[in-house]
Amino acid sequence: RVMYTPGPVAAGLQVELEIEIFAMLIGGKDTGG
């Protein structure tokens, strides 16, 4: 999930994007841990 504040960004300024991950297994097969 990406959390950020939308809107214009002026030249030379920056915006922080917070990248969040919930660790969960996608496949049902055994992948060796």
PDB file of all heavy atoms in Angstrom:
ATOM      1  N   ARG A   1       0.858  -1.172   0.000  1.00  0.00           N
ATOM      2  CA  ARG A   1       0.000   0.000   0.000  1.00  0.00           C
ATOM      3  C   ARG A   1       0.899   1.228   0.000  1.00  0.00           C
ATOM      4  O   ARG A   1       1.922   1.255   0.679  1.00  0.00           O
ATOM      5  CB  ARG A   1      -0.896  -0.009   1.229  1.00  0.00           C
ATOM      6  CG  ARG A   1      -1.962   1.049   1.204  1.00  0.00           C
ATOM      7  CD  ARG A   1      -2.956   0.840   2.293  1.00  0.00           C
ATOM      8  NE  ARG A   1      -2.318   1.111   3.585  1.00  0.00           N
ATOM      9  CZ  ARG A   1      -2.984   1.207   4.718  1.00  0.00           C
ATOM     10  NH1 ARG A   1      -4.273   1.019   4.750  1.00  0.00           N
ATOM     11  NH2 ARG A   1      -2.350   1.473   5.842  1.00  0.00           N
ATOM     12  N   VAL A   2       0.526   2.256  -0.770  1.00  0.00           N
ATOM     13  CA  VAL A   2       1.292   3.496  -0.836  1.00  0.00           C
ATOM     14  C   VAL A   2       0.441   4.617  -0.265  1.00  0.00           C
ATOM     15  O   VAL A   2      -0.676   4.846  -0.718  1.00  0.00           O
ATOM     16  CB  VAL A   2       1.700   3.824  -2.294  1.00  0.00           C
ATOM     17  CG1 VAL A   2       2.552   5.076  -2.338  1.00  0.00           C
ATOM     18  CG2 VAL A   2       2.441   2.661  -2.926  1.00  0.00           C
ATOM     19  N   MET A   3       1.000   5.327   0.725  1.00  0.00           N
ATOM     20  CA  MET A   3       0.293   6.454   1.333  1.00  0.00           C
ATOM     21  C   MET A   3       1.058   7.731   1.013  1.00  0.00           C
ATOM     22  O   MET A   3       2.286   7.781   1.200  1.00  0.00           O
ATOM     23  CB  MET A   3       0.173   6.245   2.833  1.00  0.00           C
ATOM     24  CG  MET A   3      -0.762   5.091   3.167  1.00  0.00           C
ATOM     25  SD  MET A   3      -0.717   4.624   4.888  1.00  0.00           S
ATOM     26  CE  MET A   3       0.852   3.845   4.987  1.00  0.00           C
ATOM     27  N   TYR A   4       0.330   8.733   0.511  1.00  0.00           N
ATOM     28  CA  TYR A   4       0.951  10.005   0.131  1.00  0.00           C
ATOM     29  C   TYR A   4      -0.098  11.096   0.157  1.00  0.00           C
ATOM     30  O   TYR A   4      -1.297  10.830   0.223  1.00  0.00           O
ATOM     31  CB  TYR A   4       1.590   9.906  -1.261  1.00  0.00           C
ATOM     32  CG  TYR A   4       0.600   9.713  -2.386  1.00  0.00           C
ATOM     33  CD1 TYR A   4       0.208  10.787  -3.177  1.00  0.00           C
ATOM     34  CD2 TYR A   4       0.040   8.469  -2.664  1.00  0.00           C
ATOM     35  CE1 TYR A   4      -0.701  10.632  -4.210  1.00  0.00           C
ATOM     36  CE2 TYR A   4      -0.862   8.303  -3.686  1.00  0.00           C
ATOM     37  CZ  TYR A   4      -1.225   9.383  -4.460  1.00  0.00           C
ATOM     38  OH  TYR A   4      -2.134   9.220  -5.481  1.00  0.00           O
ATOM     39  N   THR A   5       0.364  12.353   0.090  1.00  0.00           N
ATOM     40  CA  THR A   5      -0.532  13.493   0.043  1.00  0.00           C
ATOM     41  C   THR A   5      -0.615  13.975  -1.403  1.00  0.00           C
ATOM     42  O   THR A   5       0.400  14.413  -1.963  1.00  0.00           O
ATOM     43  CB  THR A   5      -0.004  14.632   0.933  1.00  0.00           C
ATOM     44  OG1 THR A   5       0.190  14.114   2.253  1.00  0.00           O
ATOM     45  CG2 THR A   5      -0.980  15.794   0.970  1.00  0.00           C
ATOM     46  N   PRO A   6      -1.788  13.879  -2.044  1.00  0.00           N
ATOM     47  CA  PRO A   6      -1.900  14.316  -3.436  1.00  0.00           C
ATOM     48  C   PRO A   6      -1.843  15.838  -3.560  1.00  0.00           C
ATOM     49  O   PRO A   6      -2.067  16.553  -2.587  1.00  0.00           O
ATOM     50  CB  PRO A   6      -3.259  13.775  -3.880  1.00  0.00           C
ATOM     51  CG  PRO A   6      -4.023  13.590  -2.629  1.00  0.00           C
ATOM     52  CD  PRO A   6      -3.032  13.333  -1.528  1.00  0.00           C
ATOM     53  N   GLY A   7      -1.522  16.301  -4.765  1.00  0.00           N
ATOM     54  CA  GLY A   7      -1.462  17.732  -5.028  1.00  0.00           C
ATOM     55  C   GLY A   7      -0.233  18.070  -5.846  1.00  0.00           C
ATOM     56  O   GLY A   7       0.630  17.232  -6.071  1.00  0.00           O
ATOM     57  N   PRO A   8      -0.144  19.329  -6.302  1.00  0.00           N
ATOM     58  CA  PRO A   8       1.013  19.723  -7.106  1.00  0.00           C
ATOM     59  C   PRO A   8       2.284  19.820  -6.254  1.00  0.00           C
ATOM     60  O   PRO A   8       2.220  20.103  -5.067  1.00  0.00           O
ATOM     61  CB  PRO A   8       0.619  21.093  -7.660  1.00  0.00           C
ATOM     62  CG  PRO A   8      -0.378  21.611  -6.695  1.00  0.00           C
ATOM     63  CD  PRO A   8      -1.100  20.415  -6.142  1.00  0.00           C
ATOM     64  N   VAL A   9       3.413  19.558  -6.900  1.00  0.00           N
ATOM     65  CA  VAL A   9       4.708  19.662  -6.238  1.00  0.00           C
ATOM     66  C   VAL A   9       5.496  20.749  -6.967  1.00  0.00           C
ATOM     67  O   VAL A   9       5.725  20.654  -8.172  1.00  0.00           O
ATOM     68  CB  VAL A   9       5.477  18.333  -6.282  1.00  0.00           C
ATOM     69  CG1 VAL A   9       6.806  18.440  -5.558  1.00  0.00           C
ATOM     70  CG2 VAL A   9       4.638  17.214  -5.687  1.00  0.00           C
ATOM     71  N   ALA A  10       5.895  21.781  -6.249  1.00  0.00           N
ATOM     72  CA  ALA A  10       6.639  22.881  -6.856  1.00  0.00           C
ATOM     73  C   ALA A  10       8.046  22.426  -7.239  1.00  0.00           C
ATOM     74  O   ALA A  10       8.573  21.456  -6.693  1.00  0.00           O
ATOM     75  CB  ALA A  10       6.713  24.055  -5.889  1.00  0.00           C
ATOM     76  N   ALA A  11       8.649  23.135  -8.180  1.00  0.00           N
ATOM     77  CA  ALA A  11       9.998  22.824  -8.626  1.00  0.00           C
ATOM     78  C   ALA A  11      10.970  22.907  -7.456  1.00  0.00           C
ATOM     79  O   ALA A  11      10.954  23.860  -6.693  1.00  0.00           O
ATOM     80  CB  ALA A  11      10.420  23.777  -9.738  1.00  0.00           C
ATOM     81  N   GLY A  12      11.789  21.878  -7.307  1.00  0.00           N
ATOM     82  CA  GLY A  12      12.778  21.848  -6.234  1.00  0.00           C
ATOM     83  C   GLY A  12      12.282  21.265  -4.929  1.00  0.00           C
ATOM     84  O   GLY A  12      13.075  20.994  -4.041  1.00  0.00           O
ATOM     85  N   LEU A  13      10.977  21.067  -4.787  1.00  0.00           N
ATOM     86  CA  LEU A  13      10.434  20.508  -3.551  1.00  0.00           C
ATOM     87  C   LEU A  13      10.247  19.003  -3.688  1.00  0.00           C
ATOM     88  O   LEU A  13      10.370  18.441  -4.773  1.00  0.00           O
ATOM     89  CB  LEU A  13       9.126  21.186  -3.176  1.00  0.00           C
ATOM     90  CG  LEU A  13       9.230  22.671  -2.826  1.00  0.00           C
ATOM     91  CD1 LEU A  13       7.876  23.200  -2.390  1.00  0.00           C
ATOM     92  CD2 LEU A  13      10.265  22.904  -1.744  1.00  0.00           C
ATOM     93  N   GLN A  14       9.918  18.358  -2.586  1.00  0.00           N
ATOM     94  CA  GLN A  14       9.768  16.909  -2.589  1.00  0.00           C
ATOM     95  C   GLN A  14       8.554  16.479  -1.795  1.00  0.00           C
ATOM     96  O   GLN A  14       8.036  17.225  -0.981  1.00  0.00           O
ATOM     97  CB  GLN A  14      11.025  16.259  -2.035  1.00  0.00           C
ATOM     98  CG  GLN A  14      11.334  16.635  -0.603  1.00  0.00           C
ATOM     99  CD  GLN A  14      12.728  16.233  -0.193  1.00  0.00           C
ATOM    100  OE1 GLN A  14      13.621  16.143  -1.011  1.00  0.00           O
ATOM    101  NE2 GLN A  14      12.914  15.993   1.092  1.00  0.00           N
ATOM    102  N   VAL A  15       8.124  15.237  -2.060  1.00  0.00           N
ATOM    103  CA  VAL A  15       6.976  14.638  -1.395  1.00  0.00           C
ATOM    104  C   VAL A  15       7.429  13.279  -0.871  1.00  0.00           C
ATOM    105  O   VAL A  15       8.244  12.599  -1.500  1.00  0.00           O
ATOM    106  CB  VAL A  15       5.807  14.450  -2.387  1.00  0.00           C
ATOM    107  CG1 VAL A  15       4.677  13.682  -1.777  1.00  0.00           C
ATOM    108  CG2 VAL A  15       5.320  15.782  -2.890  1.00  0.00           C
ATOM    109  N   GLU A  16       6.918  12.892   0.280  1.00  0.00           N
ATOM    110  CA  GLU A  16       7.248  11.580   0.835  1.00  0.00           C
ATOM    111  C   GLU A  16       6.151  10.586   0.491  1.00  0.00           C
ATOM    112  O   GLU A  16       4.963  10.863   0.670  1.00  0.00           O
ATOM    113  CB  GLU A  16       7.423  11.656   2.355  1.00  0.00           C
ATOM    114  CG  GLU A  16       8.655  12.408   2.781  1.00  0.00           C
ATOM    115  CD  GLU A  16       8.860  12.378   4.282  1.00  0.00           C
ATOM    116  OE1 GLU A  16       7.976  11.889   5.023  1.00  0.00           O
ATOM    117  OE2 GLU A  16       9.913  12.863   4.719  1.00  0.00           O
ATOM    118  N   LEU A  17       6.573   9.423   0.000  1.00  0.00           N
ATOM    119  CA  LEU A  17       5.668   8.308  -0.244  1.00  0.00           C
ATOM    120  C   LEU A  17       5.976   7.252   0.802  1.00  0.00           C
ATOM    121  O   LEU A  17       7.125   6.827   0.932  1.00  0.00           O
ATOM    122  CB  LEU A  17       5.892   7.708  -1.634  1.00  0.00           C
ATOM    123  CG  LEU A  17       5.835   8.637  -2.837  1.00  0.00           C
ATOM    124  CD1 LEU A  17       6.189   7.868  -4.094  1.00  0.00           C
ATOM    125  CD2 LEU A  17       4.465   9.249  -2.974  1.00  0.00           C
ATOM    126  N   GLU A  18       4.980   6.841   1.561  1.00  0.00           N
ATOM    127  CA  GLU A  18       5.200   5.792   2.547  1.00  0.00           C
ATOM    128  C   GLU A  18       4.750   4.467   1.945  1.00  0.00           C
ATOM    129  O   GLU A  18       3.572   4.287   1.617  1.00  0.00           O
ATOM    130  CB  GLU A  18       4.450   6.072   3.842  1.00  0.00           C
ATOM    131  CG  GLU A  18       4.818   5.091   4.921  1.00  0.00           C
ATOM    132  CD  GLU A  18       4.214   5.435   6.266  1.00  0.00           C
ATOM    133  OE1 GLU A  18       3.779   6.575   6.458  1.00  0.00           O
ATOM    134  OE2 GLU A  18       4.187   4.535   7.123  1.00  0.00           O
ATOM    135  N   ILE A  19       5.700   3.558   1.782  1.00  0.00           N
ATOM    136  CA  ILE A  19       5.432   2.236   1.229  1.00  0.00           C
ATOM    137  C   ILE A  19       5.236   1.286   2.396  1.00  0.00           C
ATOM    138  O   ILE A  19       6.130   1.118   3.223  1.00  0.00           O
ATOM    139  CB  ILE A  19       6.605   1.737   0.346  1.00  0.00           C
ATOM    140  CG1 ILE A  19       7.080   2.822  -0.615  1.00  0.00           C
ATOM    141  CG2 ILE A  19       6.225   0.453  -0.369  1.00  0.00           C
ATOM    142  CD1 ILE A  19       6.086   3.258  -1.628  1.00  0.00           C
ATOM    143  N   GLU A  20       4.067   0.683   2.464  1.00  0.00           N
ATOM    144  CA  GLU A  20       3.739  -0.222   3.561  1.00  0.00           C
ATOM    145  C   GLU A  20       3.467  -1.605   2.995  1.00  0.00           C
ATOM    146  O   GLU A  20       2.806  -1.749   1.963  1.00  0.00           O
ATOM    147  CB  GLU A  20       2.488   0.309   4.278  1.00  0.00           C
ATOM    148  CG  GLU A  20       2.154  -0.408   5.546  1.00  0.00           C
ATOM    149  CD  GLU A  20       0.950   0.218   6.225  1.00  0.00           C
ATOM    150  OE1 GLU A  20       1.130   1.173   6.997  1.00  0.00           O
ATOM    151  OE2 GLU A  20      -0.183  -0.249   5.950  1.00  0.00           O
ATOM    152  N   ILE A  21       4.000  -2.627   3.658  1.00  0.00           N
ATOM    153  CA  ILE A  21       3.762  -4.002   3.211  1.00  0.00           C
ATOM    154  C   ILE A  21       3.282  -4.831   4.393  1.00  0.00           C
ATOM    155  O   ILE A  21       3.833  -4.741   5.493  1.00  0.00           O
ATOM    156  CB  ILE A  21       5.031  -4.628   2.567  1.00  0.00           C
ATOM    157  CG1 ILE A  21       4.726  -6.028   2.028  1.00  0.00           C
ATOM    158  CG2 ILE A  21       6.197  -4.643   3.524  1.00  0.00           C
ATOM    159  CD1 ILE A  21       5.813  -6.606   1.154  1.00  0.00           C
ATOM    160  N   PHE A  22       2.210  -5.597   4.139  1.00  0.00           N
ATOM    161  CA  PHE A  22       1.739  -6.567   5.111  1.00  0.00           C
ATOM    162  C   PHE A  22       2.263  -7.908   4.628  1.00  0.00           C
ATOM    163  O   PHE A  22       1.885  -8.379   3.554  1.00  0.00           O
ATOM    164  CB  PHE A  22       0.211  -6.573   5.207  1.00  0.00           C
ATOM    165  CG  PHE A  22      -0.319  -7.623   6.139  1.00  0.00           C
ATOM    166  CD1 PHE A  22      -0.144  -7.484   7.513  1.00  0.00           C
ATOM    167  CD2 PHE A  22      -0.954  -8.742   5.655  1.00  0.00           C
ATOM    168  CE1 PHE A  22      -0.618  -8.450   8.382  1.00  0.00           C
ATOM    169  CE2 PHE A  22      -1.434  -9.712   6.519  1.00  0.00           C
ATOM    170  CZ  PHE A  22      -1.254  -9.572   7.883  1.00  0.00           C
ATOM    171  N   ALA A  23       3.169  -8.512   5.379  1.00  0.00           N
ATOM    172  CA  ALA A  23       3.828  -9.752   4.960  1.00  0.00           C
ATOM    173  C   ALA A  23       2.854 -10.917   5.039  1.00  0.00           C
ATOM    174  O   ALA A  23       2.474 -11.340   6.127  1.00  0.00           O
ATOM    175  CB  ALA A  23       5.056 -10.008   5.825  1.00  0.00           C
ATOM    176  N   MET A  24       2.450 -11.393   3.860  1.00  0.00           N
ATOM    177  CA  MET A  24       1.556 -12.550   3.806  1.00  0.00           C
ATOM    178  C   MET A  24       1.986 -13.426   2.641  1.00  0.00           C
ATOM    179  O   MET A  24       2.555 -12.942   1.657  1.00  0.00           O
ATOM    180  CB  MET A  24       0.102 -12.114   3.638  1.00  0.00           C
ATOM    181  CG  MET A  24      -0.174 -11.347   2.390  1.00  0.00           C
ATOM    182  SD  MET A  24      -1.888 -10.842   2.341  1.00  0.00           S
ATOM    183  CE  MET A  24      -1.904  -9.895   0.847  1.00  0.00           C
ATOM    184  N   LEU A  25       1.717 -14.716   2.765  1.00  0.00           N
ATOM    185  CA  LEU A  25       2.076 -15.654   1.714  1.00  0.00           C
ATOM    186  C   LEU A  25       1.000 -15.670   0.645  1.00  0.00           C
ATOM    187  O   LEU A  25      -0.190 -15.699   0.947  1.00  0.00           O
ATOM    188  CB  LEU A  25       2.275 -17.054   2.290  1.00  0.00           C
ATOM    189  CG  LEU A  25       3.439 -17.183   3.271  1.00  0.00           C
ATOM    190  CD1 LEU A  25       3.501 -18.588   3.836  1.00  0.00           C
ATOM    191  CD2 LEU A  25       4.743 -16.843   2.590  1.00  0.00           C
ATOM    192  N   ILE A  26       1.431 -15.646  -0.617  1.00  0.00           N
ATOM    193  CA  ILE A  26       0.487 -15.612  -1.731  1.00  0.00           C
ATOM    194  C   ILE A  26       0.118 -17.024  -2.167  1.00  0.00           C
ATOM    195  O   ILE A  26      -1.036 -17.380  -2.265  1.00  0.00           O
ATOM    196  CB  ILE A  26       1.070 -14.811  -2.912  1.00  0.00           C
ATOM    197  CG1 ILE A  26       1.351 -13.375  -2.473  1.00  0.00           C
ATOM    198  CG2 ILE A  26       0.126 -14.834  -4.111  1.00  0.00           C
ATOM    199  CD1 ILE A  26       2.152 -12.572  -3.466  1.00  0.00           C
ATOM    200  N   GLY A  27       1.116 -17.853  -2.431  1.00  0.00           N
ATOM    201  CA  GLY A  27       0.878 -19.211  -2.929  1.00  0.00           C
ATOM    202  C   GLY A  27       0.653 -20.183  -1.798  1.00  0.00           C
ATOM    203  O   GLY A  27       1.082 -19.977  -0.666  1.00  0.00           O
ATOM    204  N   GLY A  28      -0.005 -21.301  -2.117  1.00  0.00           N
ATOM    205  CA  GLY A  28      -0.279 -22.305  -1.102  1.00  0.00           C
ATOM    206  C   GLY A  28       0.766 -23.401  -1.051  1.00  0.00           C
ATOM    207  O   GLY A  28       0.769 -24.221  -0.156  1.00  0.00           O
ATOM    208  N   LYS A  29       1.704 -23.428  -2.015  1.00  0.00           N
ATOM    209  CA  LYS A  29       2.681 -24.511  -2.075  1.00  0.00           C
ATOM    210  C   LYS A  29       3.840 -24.252  -1.110  1.00  0.00           C
ATOM    211  O   LYS A  29       4.120 -23.122  -0.727  1.00  0.00           O
ATOM    212  CB  LYS A  29       3.195 -24.680  -3.500  1.00  0.00           C
ATOM    213  CG  LYS A  29       3.899 -23.459  -4.066  1.00  0.00           C
ATOM    214  CD  LYS A  29       4.309 -23.736  -5.490  1.00  0.00           C
ATOM    215  CE  LYS A  29       5.076 -22.572  -6.085  1.00  0.00           C
ATOM    216  NZ  LYS A  29       4.340 -21.377  -6.304  1.00  0.00           N
ATOM    217  N   ASP A  30       4.538 -25.322  -0.761  1.00  0.00           N
ATOM    218  CA  ASP A  30       5.675 -25.217   0.151  1.00  0.00           C
ATOM    219  C   ASP A  30       6.881 -24.685  -0.613  1.00  0.00           C
ATOM    220  O   ASP A  30       7.296 -25.272  -1.610  1.00  0.00           O
ATOM    221  CB  ASP A  30       5.979 -26.597   0.751  1.00  0.00           C
ATOM    222  CG  ASP A  30       7.101 -26.534   1.765  1.00  0.00           C
ATOM    223  OD1 ASP A  30       7.264 -25.476   2.394  1.00  0.00           O
ATOM    224  OD2 ASP A  30       7.807 -27.548   1.923  1.00  0.00           O
ATOM    225  N   THR A  31       7.444 -23.576  -0.151  1.00  0.00           N
ATOM    226  CA  THR A  31       8.576 -22.946  -0.843  1.00  0.00           C
ATOM    227  C   THR A  31       9.847 -23.018  -0.016  1.00  0.00           C
ATOM    228  O   THR A  31      10.765 -22.233  -0.230  1.00  0.00           O
ATOM    229  CB  THR A  31       8.248 -21.473  -1.177  1.00  0.00           C
ATOM    230  OG1 THR A  31       7.910 -20.807   0.041  1.00  0.00           O
ATOM    231  CG2 THR A  31       7.131 -21.365  -2.184  1.00  0.00           C
ATOM    232  N   GLY A  32       9.902 -23.916   0.949  1.00  0.00           N
ATOM    233  CA  GLY A  32      11.107 -24.052   1.756  1.00  0.00           C
ATOM    234  C   GLY A  32      11.219 -23.008   2.848  1.00  0.00           C
ATOM    235  O   GLY A  32      12.309 -22.716   3.314  1.00  0.00           O
ATOM    236  N   GLY A  33      10.115 -22.400   3.241  1.00  0.00           N
ATOM    237  CA  GLY A  33      10.128 -21.443   4.336  1.00  0.00           C
ATOM    238  C   GLY A  33      10.355 -20.004   3.939  1.00  0.00           C
ATOM    239  O   GLY A  33      10.310 -19.124   4.779  1.00  0.00           O
TER     240      GLY A  33
END
